[in-house]
Structures are given as structure tokens and as C-alpha cells.
Amino acid sequence: MKARTALLRKVKEIFRRHISQPINRVIDLINPILRGWVNYFRIGNSSRCFSCVRKWVEQKVRRHLMRSRGFDGFGWKRWSNTFLYGKLKLYKDYQIRYYSSAKATPSDKP
């Protein structure tokens, strides 16, 4: 919870600092942060936390787009997830990885 709160604060600060910047620049700034955080917490049972972060980031991106165009609301119907992740290249790999603990035996080596 502490790590998620720190992540959300950091991303929120980026959105706040770059309020007049194009969304592509903001996404270029937040993607490495999201990628690093997700890769660190990827191993384990964190899918519920990942979905919370993913939805929160989508909401912030849509809100940024709406404000930049002078509209009210969040733009849920205006911009689809395909647009956010396909065209804008928002980070989307929020999947958990499972690694086996089996070690390589000497016969496995070439």
C-alpha cells in the first residue's frame, strides 16, 4: 500500500507539473515510472493492486485530454482503451509473471 501510494503521488505530480504539455510528453514521462514499478512488484499476488493503478492512470490520462480541450468530465466514451494503449502508447503490461524455482542441472548446460 505504501509503495502504491508513493507511485500515485509521483504520477499525480507529473500530471500537475505538465498540465499545459501535450499528452504524448506526459506519457513519455510516466511510462518509465510505471514500467519500473510494475516490474518490481510483478512477482507475487499483486493483480488487484495493478488493476487499481491501471484504472487510476487511465482516468488521469483521459482527464488530461479533456482539460486540454476545454471539456468537462473524464472522456470515458470519447477515448477508448485502444486509443490510449495503441495510439498514445500508454504502458499496458500489468501482468504478473510466475517463475519456477527449478535450477538448471549440469546436464542442461551446453
PDB file of N, CA and C in Angstrom:
ATOM      1  N   MET A   1       0.828  -1.203   0.000  1.00  0.00           N
ATOM      2  CA  MET A   1       0.000   0.000   0.000  1.00  0.00           C
ATOM      3  C   MET A   1       0.863   1.253   0.000  1.00  0.00           C
ATOM      4  N   LYS A   2       1.951   1.239   0.768  1.00  0.00           N
ATOM      5  CA  LYS A   2       2.821   2.422   0.814  1.00  0.00           C
ATOM      6  C   LYS A   2       3.459   2.680  -0.546  1.00  0.00           C
ATOM      7  N   ALA A   3       3.887   1.610  -1.188  1.00  0.00           N
ATOM      8  CA  ALA A   3       4.524   1.754  -2.497  1.00  0.00           C
ATOM      9  C   ALA A   3       3.523   2.254  -3.539  1.00  0.00           C
ATOM     10  N   ARG A   4       2.301   1.740  -3.480  1.00  0.00           N
ATOM     11  CA  ARG A   4       1.287   2.188  -4.429  1.00  0.00           C
ATOM     12  C   ARG A   4       0.950   3.652  -4.203  1.00  0.00           C
ATOM     13  N   THR A   5       0.827   4.059  -2.948  1.00  0.00           N
ATOM     14  CA  THR A   5       0.541   5.452  -2.637  1.00  0.00           C
ATOM     15  C   THR A   5       1.669   6.358  -3.125  1.00  0.00           C
ATOM     16  N   ALA A   6       2.908   5.930  -2.940  1.00  0.00           N
ATOM     17  CA  ALA A   6       4.048   6.720  -3.407  1.00  0.00           C
ATOM     18  C   ALA A   6       4.052   6.823  -4.929  1.00  0.00           C
ATOM     19  N   LEU A   7       3.718   5.722  -5.613  1.00  0.00           N
ATOM     20  CA  LEU A   7       3.647   5.745  -7.074  1.00  0.00           C
ATOM     21  C   LEU A   7       2.583   6.716  -7.552  1.00  0.00           C
ATOM     22  N   LEU A   8       1.400   6.633  -6.967  1.00  0.00           N
ATOM     23  CA  LEU A   8       0.308   7.502  -7.391  1.00  0.00           C
ATOM     24  C   LEU A   8       0.629   8.971  -7.123  1.00  0.00           C
ATOM     25  N   ARG A   9       1.295   9.249  -6.031  1.00  0.00           N
ATOM     26  CA  ARG A   9       1.706  10.631  -5.753  1.00  0.00           C
ATOM     27  C   ARG A   9       2.695  11.134  -6.792  1.00  0.00           C
ATOM     28  N   LYS A  10       3.645  10.276  -7.155  1.00  0.00           N
ATOM     29  CA  LYS A  10       4.657  10.671  -8.132  1.00  0.00           C
ATOM     30  C   LYS A  10       4.031  10.942  -9.497  1.00  0.00           C
ATOM     31  N   VAL A  11       3.140  10.065  -9.920  1.00  0.00           N
ATOM     32  CA  VAL A  11       2.479  10.241 -11.216  1.00  0.00           C
ATOM     33  C   VAL A  11       1.559  11.458 -11.181  1.00  0.00           C
ATOM     34  N   LYS A  12       0.875  11.652 -10.078  1.00  0.00           N
ATOM     35  CA  LYS A  12      -0.006  12.813  -9.940  1.00  0.00           C
ATOM     36  C   LYS A  12       0.791  14.118 -10.029  1.00  0.00           C
ATOM     37  N   GLU A  13       1.968  14.130  -9.447  1.00  0.00           N
ATOM     38  CA  GLU A  13       2.818  15.315  -9.507  1.00  0.00           C
ATOM     39  C   GLU A  13       3.274  15.593 -10.940  1.00  0.00           C
ATOM     40  N   ILE A  14       3.551  14.552 -11.700  1.00  0.00           N
ATOM     41  CA  ILE A  14       3.931  14.741 -13.103  1.00  0.00           C
ATOM     42  C   ILE A  14       2.772  15.344 -13.881  1.00  0.00           C
ATOM     43  N   PHE A  15       1.573  14.830 -13.666  1.00  0.00           N
ATOM     44  CA  PHE A  15       0.411  15.409 -14.339  1.00  0.00           C
ATOM     45  C   PHE A  15       0.203  16.865 -13.915  1.00  0.00           C
ATOM     46  N   ARG A  16       0.411  17.160 -12.664  1.00  0.00           N
ATOM     47  CA  ARG A  16       0.219  18.515 -12.164  1.00  0.00           C
ATOM     48  C   ARG A  16       1.252  19.480 -12.753  1.00  0.00           C
ATOM     49  N   ARG A  17       2.519  19.042 -12.834  1.00  0.00           N
ATOM     50  CA  ARG A  17       3.578  19.899 -13.359  1.00  0.00           C
ATOM     51  C   ARG A  17       3.464  20.147 -14.855  1.00  0.00           C
ATOM     52  N   HIS A  18       2.925  19.184 -15.577  1.00  0.00           N
ATOM     53  CA  HIS A  18       2.873  19.262 -17.042  1.00  0.00           C
ATOM     54  C   HIS A  18       1.438  19.421 -17.534  1.00  0.00           C
ATOM     55  N   ILE A  19       0.686  20.248 -16.867  1.00  0.00           N
ATOM     56  CA  ILE A  19      -0.735  20.396 -17.195  1.00  0.00           C
ATOM     57  C   ILE A  19      -0.950  21.023 -18.572  1.00  0.00           C
ATOM     58  N   SER A  20      -0.042  21.856 -19.020  1.00  0.00           N
ATOM     59  CA  SER A  20      -0.218  22.509 -20.319  1.00  0.00           C
ATOM     60  C   SER A  20       0.564  21.814 -21.432  1.00  0.00           C
ATOM     61  N   GLN A  21       1.211  20.712 -21.121  1.00  0.00           N
ATOM     62  CA  GLN A  21       2.007  19.993 -22.108  1.00  0.00           C
ATOM     63  C   GLN A  21       1.142  18.993 -22.883  1.00  0.00           C
ATOM     64  N   PRO A  22       1.576  18.626 -24.079  1.00  0.00           N
ATOM     65  CA  PRO A  22       0.842  17.606 -24.839  1.00  0.00           C
ATOM     66  C   PRO A  22       0.867  16.261 -24.110  1.00  0.00           C
ATOM     67  N   ILE A  23      -0.157  15.478 -24.337  1.00  0.00           N
ATOM     68  CA  ILE A  23      -0.296  14.213 -23.625  1.00  0.00           C
ATOM     69  C   ILE A  23       0.834  13.243 -23.975  1.00  0.00           C
ATOM     70  N   ASN A  24       1.376  13.333 -25.183  1.00  0.00           N
ATOM     71  CA  ASN A  24       2.481  12.438 -25.554  1.00  0.00           C
ATOM     72  C   ASN A  24       3.705  12.671 -24.677  1.00  0.00           C
ATOM     73  N   ARG A  25       3.983  13.906 -24.350  1.00  0.00           N
ATOM     74  CA  ARG A  25       5.124  14.205 -23.479  1.00  0.00           C
ATOM     75  C   ARG A  25       4.878  13.674 -22.067  1.00  0.00           C
ATOM     76  N   VAL A  26       3.665  13.841 -21.575  1.00  0.00           N
ATOM     77  CA  VAL A  26       3.335  13.352 -20.233  1.00  0.00           C
ATOM     78  C   VAL A  26       3.438  11.832 -20.183  1.00  0.00           C
ATOM     79  N   ILE A  27       2.953  11.165 -21.208  1.00  0.00           N
ATOM     80  CA  ILE A  27       3.022   9.700 -21.251  1.00  0.00           C
ATOM     81  C   ILE A  27       4.472   9.237 -21.337  1.00  0.00           C
ATOM     82  N   ASP A  28       5.299   9.964 -22.086  1.00  0.00           N
ATOM     83  CA  ASP A  28       6.721   9.621 -22.145  1.00  0.00           C
ATOM     84  C   ASP A  28       7.387   9.743 -20.778  1.00  0.00           C
ATOM     85  N   LEU A  29       6.875  10.618 -19.924  1.00  0.00           N
ATOM     86  CA  LEU A  29       7.439  10.784 -18.585  1.00  0.00           C
ATOM     87  C   LEU A  29       6.935   9.721 -17.603  1.00  0.00           C
ATOM     88  N   ILE A  30       5.668   9.318 -17.723  1.00  0.00           N
ATOM     89  CA  ILE A  30       5.128   8.377 -16.742  1.00  0.00           C
ATOM     90  C   ILE A  30       5.360   6.914 -17.110  1.00  0.00           C
ATOM     91  N   ASN A  31       5.559   6.598 -18.396  1.00  0.00           N
ATOM     92  CA  ASN A  31       5.749   5.206 -18.791  1.00  0.00           C
ATOM     93  C   ASN A  31       6.951   4.538 -18.114  1.00  0.00           C
ATOM     94  N   PRO A  32       8.135   5.176 -18.053  1.00  0.00           N
ATOM     95  CA  PRO A  32       9.249   4.504 -17.367  1.00  0.00           C
ATOM     96  C   PRO A  32       8.992   4.284 -15.875  1.00  0.00           C
ATOM     97  N   ILE A  33       8.278   5.200 -15.251  1.00  0.00           N
ATOM     98  CA  ILE A  33       7.957   5.057 -13.825  1.00  0.00           C
ATOM     99  C   ILE A  33       7.025   3.868 -13.627  1.00  0.00           C
ATOM    100  N   LEU A  34       5.975   3.787 -14.448  1.00  0.00           N
ATOM    101  CA  LEU A  34       5.038   2.669 -14.348  1.00  0.00           C
ATOM    102  C   LEU A  34       5.725   1.339 -14.657  1.00  0.00           C
ATOM    103  N   ARG A  35       6.551   1.322 -15.698  1.00  0.00           N
ATOM    104  CA  ARG A  35       7.236   0.090 -16.079  1.00  0.00           C
ATOM    105  C   ARG A  35       8.141  -0.411 -14.958  1.00  0.00           C
ATOM    106  N   GLY A  36       8.890   0.485 -14.355  1.00  0.00           N
ATOM    107  CA  GLY A  36       9.784   0.086 -13.274  1.00  0.00           C
ATOM    108  C   GLY A  36       9.031  -0.407 -12.057  1.00  0.00           C
ATOM    109  N   TRP A  37       7.949   0.275 -11.700  1.00  0.00           N
ATOM    110  CA  TRP A  37       7.176  -0.108 -10.523  1.00  0.00           C
ATOM    111  C   TRP A  37       6.517  -1.466 -10.743  1.00  0.00           C
ATOM    112  N   VAL A  38       5.932  -1.656 -11.909  1.00  0.00           N
ATOM    113  CA  VAL A  38       5.259  -2.929 -12.195  1.00  0.00           C
ATOM    114  C   VAL A  38       6.279  -4.066 -12.260  1.00  0.00           C
ATOM    115  N   ASN A  39       7.425  -3.843 -12.859  1.00  0.00           N
ATOM    116  CA  ASN A  39       8.436  -4.897 -12.923  1.00  0.00           C
ATOM    117  C   ASN A  39       8.939  -5.277 -11.538  1.00  0.00           C
ATOM    118  N   TYR A  40       9.028  -4.326 -10.647  1.00  0.00           N
ATOM    119  CA  TYR A  40       9.484  -4.618  -9.290  1.00  0.00           C
ATOM    120  C   TYR A  40       8.463  -5.456  -8.522  1.00  0.00           C
ATOM    121  N   PHE A  41       7.179  -5.106  -8.644  1.00  0.00           N
ATOM    122  CA  PHE A  41       6.130  -5.789  -7.888  1.00  0.00           C
ATOM    123  C   PHE A  41       5.438  -6.882  -8.684  1.00  0.00           C
ATOM    124  N   ARG A  42       5.985  -7.246  -9.826  1.00  0.00           N
ATOM    125  CA  ARG A  42       5.348  -8.222 -10.712  1.00  0.00           C
ATOM    126  C   ARG A  42       5.286  -9.619 -10.118  1.00  0.00           C
ATOM    127  N   ILE A  43       6.276  -9.990  -9.370  1.00  0.00           N
ATOM    128  CA  ILE A  43       6.319 -11.335  -8.805  1.00  0.00           C
ATOM    129  C   ILE A  43       5.542 -11.314  -7.498  1.00  0.00           C
ATOM    130  N   GLY A  44       4.494 -12.073  -7.429  1.00  0.00           N
ATOM    131  CA  GLY A  44       3.677 -12.110  -6.228  1.00  0.00           C
ATOM    132  C   GLY A  44       2.212 -11.937  -6.572  1.00  0.00           C
ATOM    133  N   ASN A  45       1.428 -11.750  -5.562  1.00  0.00           N
ATOM    134  CA  ASN A  45      -0.012 -11.625  -5.733  1.00  0.00           C
ATOM    135  C   ASN A  45      -0.397 -10.150  -5.701  1.00  0.00           C
ATOM    136  N   SER A  46      -0.214  -9.462  -6.823  1.00  0.00           N
ATOM    137  CA  SER A  46      -0.469  -8.032  -6.848  1.00  0.00           C
ATOM    138  C   SER A  46      -1.394  -7.626  -7.988  1.00  0.00           C
ATOM    139  N   SER A  47      -2.178  -8.542  -8.509  1.00  0.00           N
ATOM    140  CA  SER A  47      -3.038  -8.222  -9.643  1.00  0.00           C
ATOM    141  C   SER A  47      -4.121  -7.216  -9.267  1.00  0.00           C
ATOM    142  N   ARG A  48      -4.647  -7.287  -8.054  1.00  0.00           N
ATOM    143  CA  ARG A  48      -5.670  -6.332  -7.619  1.00  0.00           C
ATOM    144  C   ARG A  48      -5.083  -4.919  -7.550  1.00  0.00           C
ATOM    145  N   CYS A  49      -3.878  -4.816  -7.059  1.00  0.00           N
ATOM    146  CA  CYS A  49      -3.183  -3.536  -6.976  1.00  0.00           C
ATOM    147  C   CYS A  49      -2.881  -3.003  -8.382  1.00  0.00           C
ATOM    148  N   PHE A  50      -2.466  -3.881  -9.277  1.00  0.00           N
ATOM    149  CA  PHE A  50      -2.176  -3.464 -10.649  1.00  0.00           C
ATOM    150  C   PHE A  50      -3.418  -2.932 -11.340  1.00  0.00           C
ATOM    151  N   SER A  51      -4.549  -3.588 -11.145  1.00  0.00           N
ATOM    152  CA  SER A  51      -5.775  -3.111 -11.790  1.00  0.00           C
ATOM    153  C   SER A  51      -6.195  -1.751 -11.240  1.00  0.00           C
ATOM    154  N   CYS A  52      -5.976  -1.535  -9.956  1.00  0.00           N
ATOM    155  CA  CYS A  52      -6.281  -0.234  -9.359  1.00  0.00           C
ATOM    156  C   CYS A  52      -5.402   0.854  -9.967  1.00  0.00           C
ATOM    157  N   VAL A  53      -4.119   0.585 -10.092  1.00  0.00           N
ATOM    158  CA  VAL A  53      -3.185   1.562 -10.669  1.00  0.00           C
ATOM    159  C   VAL A  53      -3.517   1.807 -12.139  1.00  0.00           C
ATOM    160  N   ARG A  54      -3.801   0.748 -12.879  1.00  0.00           N
ATOM    161  CA  ARG A  54      -4.120   0.882 -14.300  1.00  0.00           C
ATOM    162  C   ARG A  54      -5.347   1.754 -14.517  1.00  0.00           C
ATOM    163  N   LYS A  55      -6.413   1.515 -13.747  1.00  0.00           N
ATOM    164  CA  LYS A  55      -7.630   2.317 -13.879  1.00  0.00           C
ATOM    165  C   LYS A  55      -7.392   3.770 -13.486  1.00  0.00           C
ATOM    166  N   TRP A  56      -6.594   3.985 -12.451  1.00  0.00           N
ATOM    167  CA  TRP A  56      -6.301   5.339 -11.996  1.00  0.00           C
ATOM    168  C   TRP A  56      -5.519   6.111 -13.056  1.00  0.00           C
ATOM    169  N   VAL A  57      -4.534   5.452 -13.679  1.00  0.00           N
ATOM    170  CA  VAL A  57      -3.728   6.114 -14.713  1.00  0.00           C
ATOM    171  C   VAL A  57      -4.584   6.405 -15.947  1.00  0.00           C
ATOM    172  N   GLU A  58      -5.443   5.471 -16.334  1.00  0.00           N
ATOM    173  CA  GLU A  58      -6.348   5.717 -17.457  1.00  0.00           C
ATOM    174  C   GLU A  58      -7.220   6.932 -17.185  1.00  0.00           C
ATOM    175  N   GLN A  59      -7.742   7.031 -15.986  1.00  0.00           N
ATOM    176  CA  GLN A  59      -8.596   8.157 -15.614  1.00  0.00           C
ATOM    177  C   GLN A  59      -7.815   9.469 -15.695  1.00  0.00           C
ATOM    178  N   LYS A  60      -6.578   9.477 -15.205  1.00  0.00           N
ATOM    179  CA  LYS A  60      -5.767  10.694 -15.243  1.00  0.00           C
ATOM    180  C   LYS A  60      -5.451  11.109 -16.680  1.00  0.00           C
ATOM    181  N   VAL A  61      -5.148  10.149 -17.536  1.00  0.00           N
ATOM    182  CA  VAL A  61      -4.840  10.470 -18.928  1.00  0.00           C
ATOM    183  C   VAL A  61      -6.070  11.032 -19.625  1.00  0.00           C
ATOM    184  N   ARG A  62      -7.214  10.393 -19.417  1.00  0.00           N
ATOM    185  CA  ARG A  62      -8.444  10.887 -20.038  1.00  0.00           C
ATOM    186  C   ARG A  62      -8.808  12.282 -19.522  1.00  0.00           C
ATOM    187  N   ARG A  63      -8.626  12.504 -18.241  1.00  0.00           N
ATOM    188  CA  ARG A  63      -8.930  13.818 -17.662  1.00  0.00           C
ATOM    189  C   ARG A  63      -7.995  14.881 -18.227  1.00  0.00           C
ATOM    190  N   HIS A  64      -6.726  14.528 -18.424  1.00  0.00           N
ATOM    191  CA  HIS A  64      -5.768  15.456 -19.018  1.00  0.00           C
ATOM    192  C   HIS A  64      -6.189  15.824 -20.441  1.00  0.00           C
ATOM    193  N   LEU A  65      -6.622  14.825 -21.208  1.00  0.00           N
ATOM    194  CA  LEU A  65      -7.086  15.070 -22.566  1.00  0.00           C
ATOM    195  C   LEU A  65      -8.314  15.978 -22.582  1.00  0.00           C
ATOM    196  N   MET A  66      -9.254  15.726 -21.685  1.00  0.00           N
ATOM    197  CA  MET A  66     -10.472  16.542 -21.637  1.00  0.00           C
ATOM    198  C   MET A  66     -10.158  17.986 -21.244  1.00  0.00           C
ATOM    199  N   ARG A  67      -9.319  18.176 -20.252  1.00  0.00           N
ATOM    200  CA  ARG A  67      -8.978  19.533 -19.826  1.00  0.00           C
ATOM    201  C   ARG A  67      -8.220  20.286 -20.899  1.00  0.00           C
ATOM    202  N   SER A  68      -7.367  19.590 -21.634  1.00  0.00           N
ATOM    203  CA  SER A  68      -6.600  20.268 -22.677  1.00  0.00           C
ATOM    204  C   SER A  68      -7.503  20.749 -23.810  1.00  0.00           C
ATOM    205  N   ARG A  69      -8.648  20.126 -23.965  1.00  0.00           N
ATOM    206  CA  ARG A  69      -9.596  20.532 -24.998  1.00  0.00           C
ATOM    207  C   ARG A  69     -10.713  21.418 -24.459  1.00  0.00           C
ATOM    208  N   GLY A  70     -10.692  21.687 -23.163  1.00  0.00           N
ATOM    209  CA  GLY A  70     -11.671  22.591 -22.574  1.00  0.00           C
ATOM    210  C   GLY A  70     -13.017  21.965 -22.285  1.00  0.00           C
ATOM    211  N   PHE A  71     -13.068  20.651 -22.149  1.00  0.00           N
ATOM    212  CA  PHE A  71     -14.318  19.956 -21.859  1.00  0.00           C
ATOM    213  C   PHE A  71     -14.377  19.563 -20.393  1.00  0.00           C
ATOM    214  N   ASP A  72     -15.594  19.311 -19.908  1.00  0.00           N
ATOM    215  CA  ASP A  72     -15.788  18.778 -18.565  1.00  0.00           C
ATOM    216  C   ASP A  72     -15.876  17.258 -18.646  1.00  0.00           C
ATOM    217  N   GLY A  73     -15.676  16.606 -17.520  1.00  0.00           N
ATOM    218  CA  GLY A  73     -15.816  15.161 -17.458  1.00  0.00           C
ATOM    219  C   GLY A  73     -14.500  14.451 -17.646  1.00  0.00           C
ATOM    220  N   PHE A  74     -14.592  13.127 -17.826  1.00  0.00           N
ATOM    221  CA  PHE A  74     -13.398  12.302 -17.933  1.00  0.00           C
ATOM    222  C   PHE A  74     -13.177  11.725 -19.325  1.00  0.00           C
ATOM    223  N   GLY A  75     -14.146  11.785 -20.205  1.00  0.00           N
ATOM    224  CA  GLY A  75     -13.948  11.300 -21.568  1.00  0.00           C
ATOM    225  C   GLY A  75     -13.943   9.803 -21.713  1.00  0.00           C
ATOM    226  N   TRP A  76     -14.720   9.096 -20.892  1.00  0.00           N
ATOM    227  CA  TRP A  76     -14.742   7.632 -20.973  1.00  0.00           C
ATOM    228  C   TRP A  76     -15.301   7.170 -22.313  1.00  0.00           C
ATOM    229  N   LYS A  77     -16.276   7.879 -22.852  1.00  0.00           N
ATOM    230  CA  LYS A  77     -16.866   7.485 -24.136  1.00  0.00           C
ATOM    231  C   LYS A  77     -16.104   8.075 -25.319  1.00  0.00           C
ATOM    232  N   ARG A  78     -15.367   9.132 -25.088  1.00  0.00           N
ATOM    233  CA  ARG A  78     -14.664   9.824 -26.167  1.00  0.00           C
ATOM    234  C   ARG A  78     -13.388   9.089 -26.600  1.00  0.00           C
ATOM    235  N   TRP A  79     -12.631   8.555 -25.634  1.00  0.00           N
ATOM    236  CA  TRP A  79     -11.369   7.877 -25.937  1.00  0.00           C
ATOM    237  C   TRP A  79     -11.406   6.460 -25.388  1.00  0.00           C
ATOM    238  N   SER A  80     -11.223   5.492 -26.269  1.00  0.00           N
ATOM    239  CA  SER A  80     -11.265   4.083 -25.866  1.00  0.00           C
ATOM    240  C   SER A  80      -9.905   3.646 -25.334  1.00  0.00           C
ATOM    241  N   ASN A  81      -9.887   2.484 -24.730  1.00  0.00           N
ATOM    242  CA  ASN A  81      -8.624   1.914 -24.272  1.00  0.00           C
ATOM    243  C   ASN A  81      -7.704   1.615 -25.451  1.00  0.00           C
ATOM    244  N   THR A  82      -8.273   1.255 -26.586  1.00  0.00           N
ATOM    245  CA  THR A  82      -7.476   1.005 -27.781  1.00  0.00           C
ATOM    246  C   THR A  82      -6.720   2.258 -28.191  1.00  0.00           C
ATOM    247  N   PHE A  83      -7.363   3.405 -28.086  1.00  0.00           N
ATOM    248  CA  PHE A  83      -6.706   4.670 -28.406  1.00  0.00           C
ATOM    249  C   PHE A  83      -5.593   4.967 -27.411  1.00  0.00           C
ATOM    250  N   LEU A  84      -5.876   4.776 -26.125  1.00  0.00           N
ATOM    251  CA  LEU A  84      -4.877   5.087 -25.100  1.00  0.00           C
ATOM    252  C   LEU A  84      -3.644   4.200 -25.228  1.00  0.00           C
ATOM    253  N   TYR A  85      -3.866   2.899 -25.393  1.00  0.00           N
ATOM    254  CA  TYR A  85      -2.748   1.965 -25.402  1.00  0.00           C
ATOM    255  C   TYR A  85      -2.150   1.774 -26.796  1.00  0.00           C
ATOM    256  N   GLY A  86      -2.940   1.965 -27.835  1.00  0.00           N
ATOM    257  CA  GLY A  86      -2.435   1.786 -29.192  1.00  0.00           C
ATOM    258  C   GLY A  86      -1.782   3.021 -29.758  1.00  0.00           C
ATOM    259  N   LYS A  87      -2.532   4.101 -29.813  1.00  0.00           N
ATOM    260  CA  LYS A  87      -2.014   5.316 -30.447  1.00  0.00           C
ATOM    261  C   LYS A  87      -1.123   6.135 -29.517  1.00  0.00           C
ATOM    262  N   LEU A  88      -1.535   6.297 -28.270  1.00  0.00           N
ATOM    263  CA  LEU A  88      -0.748   7.111 -27.341  1.00  0.00           C
ATOM    264  C   LEU A  88       0.402   6.349 -26.705  1.00  0.00           C
ATOM    265  N   LYS A  89       0.408   5.022 -26.844  1.00  0.00           N
ATOM    266  CA  LYS A  89       1.485   4.156 -26.322  1.00  0.00           C
ATOM    267  C   LYS A  89       1.614   4.228 -24.803  1.00  0.00           C
ATOM    268  N   LEU A  90       0.484   4.259 -24.119  1.00  0.00           N
ATOM    269  CA  LEU A  90       0.483   4.201 -22.657  1.00  0.00           C
ATOM    270  C   LEU A  90       0.919   2.808 -22.225  1.00  0.00           C
ATOM    271  N   TYR A  91       1.688   2.724 -21.151  1.00  0.00           N
ATOM    272  CA  TYR A  91       2.190   1.430 -20.664  1.00  0.00           C
ATOM    273  C   TYR A  91       1.011   0.523 -20.309  1.00  0.00           C
ATOM    274  N   LYS A  92       1.081  -0.748 -20.771  1.00  0.00           N
ATOM    275  CA  LYS A  92      -0.067  -1.635 -20.571  1.00  0.00           C
ATOM    276  C   LYS A  92       0.267  -3.026 -20.059  1.00  0.00           C
ATOM    277  N   ASP A  93       1.500  -3.317 -19.743  1.00  0.00           N
ATOM    278  CA  ASP A  93       1.882  -4.677 -19.363  1.00  0.00           C
ATOM    279  C   ASP A  93       1.762  -4.874 -17.851  1.00  0.00           C
ATOM    280  N   TYR A  94       0.532  -4.898 -17.356  1.00  0.00           N
ATOM    281  CA  TYR A  94       0.271  -5.055 -15.927  1.00  0.00           C
ATOM    282  C   TYR A  94       0.002  -6.514 -15.588  1.00  0.00           C
ATOM    283  N   GLN A  95       0.819  -7.426 -16.068  1.00  0.00           N
ATOM    284  CA  GLN A  95       0.586  -8.843 -15.819  1.00  0.00           C
ATOM    285  C   GLN A  95       1.611  -9.389 -14.834  1.00  0.00           C
ATOM    286  N   ILE A  96       1.165 -10.346 -14.057  1.00  0.00           N
ATOM    287  CA  ILE A  96       2.029 -10.993 -13.079  1.00  0.00           C
ATOM    288  C   ILE A  96       2.827 -12.076 -13.793  1.00  0.00           C
ATOM    289  N   ARG A  97       4.074 -12.217 -13.446  1.00  0.00           N
ATOM    290  CA  ARG A  97       4.927 -13.266 -14.014  1.00  0.00           C
ATOM    291  C   ARG A  97       5.189 -14.313 -12.939  1.00  0.00           C
ATOM    292  N   TYR A  98       5.073 -15.550 -13.330  1.00  0.00           N
ATOM    293  CA  TYR A  98       5.358 -16.647 -12.423  1.00  0.00           C
ATOM    294  C   TYR A  98       6.640 -17.323 -12.889  1.00  0.00           C
ATOM    295  N   TYR A  99       7.591 -17.434 -12.007  1.00  0.00           N
ATOM    296  CA  TYR A  99       8.858 -18.073 -12.324  1.00  0.00           C
ATOM    297  C   TYR A  99       8.980 -19.356 -11.532  1.00  0.00           C
ATOM    298  N   SER A 100       9.498 -20.396 -12.184  1.00  0.00           N
ATOM    299  CA  SER A 100       9.710 -21.651 -11.465  1.00  0.00           C
ATOM    300  C   SER A 100      11.020 -21.564 -10.706  1.00  0.00           C
ATOM    301  N   SER A 101      11.083 -22.235  -9.601  1.00  0.00           N
ATOM    302  CA  SER A 101      12.280 -22.202  -8.774  1.00  0.00           C
ATOM    303  C   SER A 101      13.251 -23.324  -9.118  1.00  0.00           C
ATOM    304  N   ALA A 102      12.981 -24.050 -10.191  1.00  0.00           N
ATOM    305  CA  ALA A 102      13.850 -25.158 -10.594  1.00  0.00           C
ATOM    306  C   ALA A 102      15.169 -24.608 -11.108  1.00  0.00           C
ATOM    307  N   LYS A 103      16.246 -25.155 -10.582  1.00  0.00           N
ATOM    308  CA  LYS A 103      17.567 -24.724 -11.010  1.00  0.00           C
ATOM    309  C   LYS A 103      18.061 -25.620 -12.132  1.00  0.00           C
ATOM    310  N   ALA A 104      18.907 -25.064 -12.956  1.00  0.00           N
ATOM    311  CA  ALA A 104      19.468 -25.833 -14.068  1.00  0.00           C
ATOM    312  C   ALA A 104      20.462 -26.855 -13.531  1.00  0.00           C
ATOM    313  N   THR A 105      20.368 -28.044 -14.043  1.00  0.00           N
ATOM    314  CA  THR A 105      21.309 -29.098 -13.646  1.00  0.00           C
ATOM    315  C   THR A 105      22.513 -29.062 -14.585  1.00  0.00           C
ATOM    316  N   PRO A 106      23.624 -29.654 -14.194  1.00  0.00           N
ATOM    317  CA  PRO A 106      24.815 -29.625 -15.064  1.00  0.00           C
ATOM    318  C   PRO A 106      24.567 -30.263 -16.434  1.00  0.00           C
ATOM    319  N   SER A 107      23.626 -31.221 -16.517  1.00  0.00           N
ATOM    320  CA  SER A 107      23.368 -31.853 -17.807  1.00  0.00           C
ATOM    321  C   SER A 107      22.601 -30.937 -18.752  1.00  0.00           C
ATOM    322  N   ASP A 108      21.947 -29.887 -18.206  1.00  0.00           N
ATOM    323  CA  ASP A 108      21.193 -28.949 -19.022  1.00  0.00           C
ATOM    324  C   ASP A 108      22.090 -27.955 -19.744  1.00  0.00           C
ATOM    325  N   LYS A 109      23.291 -27.782 -19.261  1.00  0.00           N
ATOM    326  CA  LYS A 109      24.194 -26.791 -19.859  1.00  0.00           C
ATOM    327  C   LYS A 109      24.791 -27.335 -21.143  1.00  0.00           C
ATOM    328  N   PRO A 110      24.971 -26.489 -22.164  1.00  0.00           N
ATOM    329  CA  PRO A 110      25.526 -26.973 -23.452  1.00  0.00           C
ATOM    330  C   PRO A 110      27.008 -27.211 -23.373  1.00  0.00           C
TER     331      PRO A 110
END
